[in-house]
Every structure is written in structure tokens, then in C-alpha cells.
Amino acid sequence: MKTVIITGNLENEIKDIRVLEAKINELKELKEEKESLIKSVLDEAGVEEMKIGAFTVRFTNIVRNNFNTTAFKKKYLELYNAFIKQSNYRKFSIV
């Protein structure tokens, strides 16, 4: 049997987490707006790279090959199941 020792007021800690999450989301949105502005300047200039003061910004196309697990699973279910690896992890959430 495990003993849980509660120090301080956890409800206040959770409230603080919620406030921080809201600030993080606000900052992410602001960052995305600023990035969109810079991306549009690069697009309008028709370049993938631009020197801006002390910075070099790049907005490049990347080609990546992904494995289509959904299609593979449909076509080769038995083989797919033979290579499934189960993993465990813990998830923290506040609801």
C-alpha cells in the first residue's frame, strides 16, 4: 500500500497550471502570426532563404517518404500483427 502525502494546496497548483497553459497557447498563437508574416514575405519575394539583419530565415520545401501503415494493415494484416510492439507509458491530464 502506498501512502500519499499531500503538501500544500494541489487545487491552487492545478489552477496555476491552467493559467500557464493559457499563456502558452497565447504565446504560440502570437509566434505563429509572426512566422506567417515572415513566410508571406519570403513567398512574395519568391525565395526560400533571406538574410534579415543578423538572421537568415529559410522557408523550404521538404519531401519525406512515410510508411502507410493503414494500407499495409489492410493488405497484410497477419504480417502487420506479427510486428506490433506493445509499449506502456503514463499520461498526465487535468480534466
N, C-alpha and C. Protein backbone atom coordinates (compact mmCIF):
# COMPACT_ATOMS: atom_id res chain seq x y z
N MET A 1 0.84 -1.18 0.00
CA MET A 1 0.00 0.00 0.00
C MET A 1 0.88 1.23 0.00
N LYS A 2 0.56 2.18 -0.87
CA LYS A 2 1.32 3.41 -0.95
C LYS A 2 0.64 4.50 -0.14
N THR A 3 1.45 5.30 0.52
CA THR A 3 0.93 6.43 1.28
C THR A 3 1.16 7.69 0.47
N VAL A 4 0.12 8.47 0.29
CA VAL A 4 0.22 9.72 -0.46
C VAL A 4 0.24 10.86 0.54
N ILE A 5 1.28 11.67 0.45
CA ILE A 5 1.40 12.84 1.31
C ILE A 5 1.13 14.07 0.46
N ILE A 6 0.10 14.80 0.79
CA ILE A 6 -0.25 16.00 0.03
C ILE A 6 0.33 17.20 0.75
N THR A 7 1.22 17.89 0.04
CA THR A 7 1.83 19.09 0.61
C THR A 7 1.27 20.29 -0.12
N GLY A 8 0.78 21.25 0.62
CA GLY A 8 0.22 22.44 0.01
C GLY A 8 -1.14 22.18 -0.56
N ASN A 9 -1.64 23.16 -1.24
CA ASN A 9 -2.97 23.07 -1.82
C ASN A 9 -2.84 22.72 -3.30
N LEU A 10 -3.10 21.46 -3.63
CA LEU A 10 -2.96 21.00 -5.00
C LEU A 10 -3.94 21.68 -5.96
N GLU A 11 -5.09 22.08 -5.44
CA GLU A 11 -6.05 22.76 -6.31
C GLU A 11 -5.46 24.07 -6.84
N ASN A 12 -4.73 24.79 -5.99
CA ASN A 12 -4.07 26.02 -6.44
C ASN A 12 -2.99 25.72 -7.48
N GLU A 13 -2.29 24.61 -7.30
CA GLU A 13 -1.26 24.22 -8.27
C GLU A 13 -1.90 23.93 -9.63
N ILE A 14 -3.04 23.26 -9.61
CA ILE A 14 -3.76 22.95 -10.84
C ILE A 14 -4.25 24.24 -11.50
N LYS A 15 -4.76 25.16 -10.72
CA LYS A 15 -5.20 26.45 -11.26
C LYS A 15 -4.02 27.18 -11.90
N ASP A 16 -2.87 27.13 -11.26
CA ASP A 16 -1.66 27.76 -11.82
C ASP A 16 -1.29 27.11 -13.15
N ILE A 17 -1.40 25.78 -13.23
CA ILE A 17 -1.10 25.07 -14.47
C ILE A 17 -2.03 25.54 -15.58
N ARG A 18 -3.31 25.69 -15.28
CA ARG A 18 -4.28 26.15 -16.27
C ARG A 18 -3.95 27.55 -16.77
N VAL A 19 -3.55 28.44 -15.86
CA VAL A 19 -3.16 29.80 -16.25
C VAL A 19 -1.93 29.75 -17.16
N LEU A 20 -0.97 28.93 -16.79
CA LEU A 20 0.24 28.79 -17.62
C LEU A 20 -0.08 28.21 -18.99
N GLU A 21 -0.98 27.22 -19.05
CA GLU A 21 -1.38 26.64 -20.33
C GLU A 21 -2.02 27.70 -21.22
N ALA A 22 -2.85 28.56 -20.64
CA ALA A 22 -3.49 29.63 -21.41
C ALA A 22 -2.45 30.60 -21.95
N LYS A 23 -1.46 30.94 -21.13
CA LYS A 23 -0.40 31.84 -21.57
C LYS A 23 0.43 31.20 -22.68
N ILE A 24 0.73 29.91 -22.53
CA ILE A 24 1.50 29.19 -23.55
C ILE A 24 0.74 29.21 -24.88
N ASN A 25 -0.56 28.94 -24.84
CA ASN A 25 -1.36 28.95 -26.06
C ASN A 25 -1.39 30.33 -26.70
N GLU A 26 -1.49 31.36 -25.87
CA GLU A 26 -1.50 32.74 -26.36
C GLU A 26 -0.16 33.06 -27.04
N LEU A 27 0.93 32.65 -26.41
CA LEU A 27 2.25 32.89 -26.99
C LEU A 27 2.47 32.09 -28.27
N LYS A 28 1.95 30.85 -28.32
CA LYS A 28 2.05 30.04 -29.54
C LYS A 28 1.33 30.73 -30.69
N GLU A 29 0.14 31.26 -30.41
CA GLU A 29 -0.63 31.95 -31.45
C GLU A 29 0.12 33.18 -31.94
N LEU A 30 0.70 33.94 -31.02
CA LEU A 30 1.47 35.13 -31.38
C LEU A 30 2.68 34.75 -32.23
N LYS A 31 3.37 33.69 -31.84
CA LYS A 31 4.53 33.20 -32.58
C LYS A 31 4.12 32.79 -33.99
N GLU A 32 3.00 32.07 -34.12
CA GLU A 32 2.53 31.62 -35.42
C GLU A 32 2.16 32.81 -36.31
N GLU A 33 1.58 33.86 -35.73
CA GLU A 33 1.25 35.06 -36.50
C GLU A 33 2.52 35.70 -37.05
N LYS A 34 3.55 35.81 -36.21
CA LYS A 34 4.81 36.42 -36.63
C LYS A 34 5.49 35.56 -37.70
N GLU A 35 5.45 34.23 -37.52
CA GLU A 35 6.03 33.34 -38.52
C GLU A 35 5.29 33.45 -39.84
N SER A 36 3.96 33.57 -39.80
CA SER A 36 3.16 33.70 -41.02
C SER A 36 3.54 34.96 -41.79
N LEU A 37 3.79 36.04 -41.07
CA LEU A 37 4.19 37.29 -41.70
C LEU A 37 5.51 37.11 -42.45
N ILE A 38 6.48 36.49 -41.78
CA ILE A 38 7.79 36.28 -42.39
C ILE A 38 7.68 35.32 -43.58
N LYS A 39 6.88 34.27 -43.44
CA LYS A 39 6.68 33.32 -44.53
C LYS A 39 6.06 34.00 -45.75
N SER A 40 5.09 34.88 -45.50
CA SER A 40 4.45 35.56 -46.63
C SER A 40 5.43 36.49 -47.34
N VAL A 41 6.35 37.12 -46.60
CA VAL A 41 7.37 37.97 -47.22
C VAL A 41 8.27 37.12 -48.11
N LEU A 42 8.69 35.95 -47.62
CA LEU A 42 9.52 35.05 -48.41
C LEU A 42 8.78 34.57 -49.66
N ASP A 43 7.50 34.20 -49.50
CA ASP A 43 6.71 33.75 -50.63
C ASP A 43 6.56 34.85 -51.68
N GLU A 44 6.23 36.05 -51.23
CA GLU A 44 6.04 37.17 -52.16
C GLU A 44 7.33 37.51 -52.89
N ALA A 45 8.47 37.33 -52.21
CA ALA A 45 9.77 37.59 -52.83
C ALA A 45 10.19 36.43 -53.73
N GLY A 46 9.51 35.29 -53.60
CA GLY A 46 9.83 34.12 -54.43
C GLY A 46 11.15 33.47 -54.05
N VAL A 47 11.50 33.55 -52.77
CA VAL A 47 12.77 32.96 -52.32
C VAL A 47 12.51 32.01 -51.16
N GLU A 48 13.43 31.08 -50.97
CA GLU A 48 13.34 30.15 -49.85
C GLU A 48 14.23 30.57 -48.69
N GLU A 49 15.14 31.49 -48.95
CA GLU A 49 16.08 31.93 -47.92
C GLU A 49 16.29 33.43 -48.05
N MET A 50 16.36 34.10 -46.90
CA MET A 50 16.56 35.54 -46.91
C MET A 50 17.39 35.95 -45.70
N LYS A 51 18.33 36.83 -45.92
CA LYS A 51 19.14 37.39 -44.85
C LYS A 51 18.38 38.61 -44.32
N ILE A 52 18.08 38.61 -43.04
CA ILE A 52 17.37 39.72 -42.41
C ILE A 52 18.17 40.15 -41.19
N GLY A 53 18.92 41.20 -41.33
CA GLY A 53 19.78 41.65 -40.24
C GLY A 53 20.80 40.58 -39.88
N ALA A 54 20.82 40.21 -38.61
CA ALA A 54 21.77 39.20 -38.13
C ALA A 54 21.26 37.78 -38.35
N PHE A 55 20.08 37.66 -38.96
CA PHE A 55 19.44 36.35 -39.09
C PHE A 55 19.32 35.92 -40.54
N THR A 56 19.34 34.63 -40.73
CA THR A 56 19.00 34.04 -42.01
C THR A 56 17.75 33.20 -41.78
N VAL A 57 16.70 33.50 -42.53
CA VAL A 57 15.46 32.72 -42.40
C VAL A 57 15.28 31.87 -43.64
N ARG A 58 14.77 30.67 -43.42
CA ARG A 58 14.53 29.74 -44.52
C ARG A 58 13.10 29.22 -44.43
N PHE A 59 12.49 29.11 -45.58
CA PHE A 59 11.16 28.52 -45.69
C PHE A 59 11.22 27.60 -46.90
N THR A 60 11.67 26.37 -46.64
CA THR A 60 11.99 25.45 -47.72
C THR A 60 10.99 24.30 -47.81
N ASN A 61 10.87 23.76 -49.00
CA ASN A 61 10.04 22.58 -49.23
C ASN A 61 10.85 21.34 -48.85
N ILE A 62 10.22 20.45 -48.14
CA ILE A 62 10.85 19.20 -47.73
C ILE A 62 10.01 18.05 -48.28
N VAL A 63 10.67 17.06 -48.86
CA VAL A 63 9.98 15.86 -49.33
C VAL A 63 10.34 14.74 -48.37
N ARG A 64 9.32 14.08 -47.87
CA ARG A 64 9.54 13.00 -46.91
C ARG A 64 8.72 11.79 -47.33
N ASN A 65 9.30 10.63 -47.24
CA ASN A 65 8.59 9.39 -47.54
C ASN A 65 8.09 8.78 -46.23
N ASN A 66 6.79 8.56 -46.16
CA ASN A 66 6.18 7.96 -44.98
C ASN A 66 5.66 6.57 -45.32
N PHE A 67 5.69 5.70 -44.33
CA PHE A 67 5.15 4.36 -44.50
C PHE A 67 3.65 4.40 -44.20
N ASN A 68 2.84 3.94 -45.13
CA ASN A 68 1.39 3.96 -44.98
C ASN A 68 0.95 2.72 -44.20
N THR A 69 0.91 2.86 -42.88
CA THR A 69 0.57 1.70 -42.04
C THR A 69 -0.88 1.26 -42.23
N THR A 70 -1.76 2.20 -42.53
CA THR A 70 -3.18 1.85 -42.71
C THR A 70 -3.35 0.94 -43.93
N ALA A 71 -2.73 1.32 -45.04
CA ALA A 71 -2.83 0.50 -46.25
C ALA A 71 -2.13 -0.85 -46.06
N PHE A 72 -0.97 -0.85 -45.40
CA PHE A 72 -0.23 -2.08 -45.15
C PHE A 72 -1.06 -3.02 -44.28
N LYS A 73 -1.69 -2.45 -43.25
CA LYS A 73 -2.50 -3.26 -42.34
C LYS A 73 -3.68 -3.90 -43.09
N LYS A 74 -4.30 -3.16 -43.99
CA LYS A 74 -5.42 -3.70 -44.76
C LYS A 74 -4.98 -4.83 -45.68
N LYS A 75 -3.82 -4.67 -46.30
CA LYS A 75 -3.37 -5.65 -47.29
C LYS A 75 -2.66 -6.84 -46.65
N TYR A 76 -1.89 -6.60 -45.58
CA TYR A 76 -1.08 -7.64 -44.96
C TYR A 76 -1.33 -7.70 -43.44
N LEU A 77 -2.56 -7.93 -43.05
CA LEU A 77 -2.93 -7.89 -41.64
C LEU A 77 -2.11 -8.84 -40.79
N GLU A 78 -1.90 -10.06 -41.26
CA GLU A 78 -1.16 -11.05 -40.47
C GLU A 78 0.29 -10.60 -40.26
N LEU A 79 0.91 -10.11 -41.29
CA LEU A 79 2.29 -9.63 -41.19
C LEU A 79 2.36 -8.39 -40.29
N TYR A 80 1.39 -7.50 -40.44
CA TYR A 80 1.32 -6.31 -39.59
C TYR A 80 1.24 -6.72 -38.12
N ASN A 81 0.37 -7.66 -37.80
CA ASN A 81 0.20 -8.10 -36.42
C ASN A 81 1.46 -8.76 -35.87
N ALA A 82 2.23 -9.41 -36.74
CA ALA A 82 3.46 -10.08 -36.31
C ALA A 82 4.52 -9.07 -35.84
N PHE A 83 4.41 -7.84 -36.30
CA PHE A 83 5.41 -6.83 -35.95
C PHE A 83 4.91 -5.76 -34.99
N ILE A 84 3.75 -5.96 -34.44
CA ILE A 84 3.22 -4.99 -33.46
C ILE A 84 4.03 -5.11 -32.18
N LYS A 85 4.42 -4.00 -31.65
CA LYS A 85 5.15 -3.97 -30.38
C LYS A 85 4.33 -3.13 -29.39
N GLN A 86 4.01 -3.72 -28.29
CA GLN A 86 3.22 -3.03 -27.28
C GLN A 86 4.16 -2.26 -26.35
N SER A 87 3.75 -1.06 -26.01
CA SER A 87 4.53 -0.27 -25.07
C SER A 87 3.59 0.34 -24.03
N ASN A 88 4.14 0.62 -22.88
CA ASN A 88 3.37 1.23 -21.80
C ASN A 88 3.95 2.59 -21.47
N TYR A 89 3.08 3.49 -21.10
CA TYR A 89 3.52 4.80 -20.64
C TYR A 89 2.44 5.38 -19.75
N ARG A 90 2.80 6.42 -19.04
CA ARG A 90 1.84 7.08 -18.16
C ARG A 90 1.47 8.43 -18.75
N LYS A 91 0.21 8.76 -18.69
CA LYS A 91 -0.27 10.01 -19.22
C LYS A 91 -0.83 10.85 -18.09
N PHE A 92 -0.37 12.09 -18.02
CA PHE A 92 -0.85 13.03 -17.01
C PHE A 92 -1.88 13.94 -17.67
N SER A 93 -3.03 14.11 -17.05
CA SER A 93 -4.03 15.02 -17.59
C SER A 93 -4.82 15.64 -16.46
N ILE A 94 -5.32 16.81 -16.74
CA ILE A 94 -6.20 17.52 -15.81
C ILE A 94 -7.50 17.75 -16.56
N VAL A 95 -8.58 17.21 -16.03
CA VAL A 95 -9.88 17.33 -16.69
C VAL A 95 -10.87 18.02 -15.79
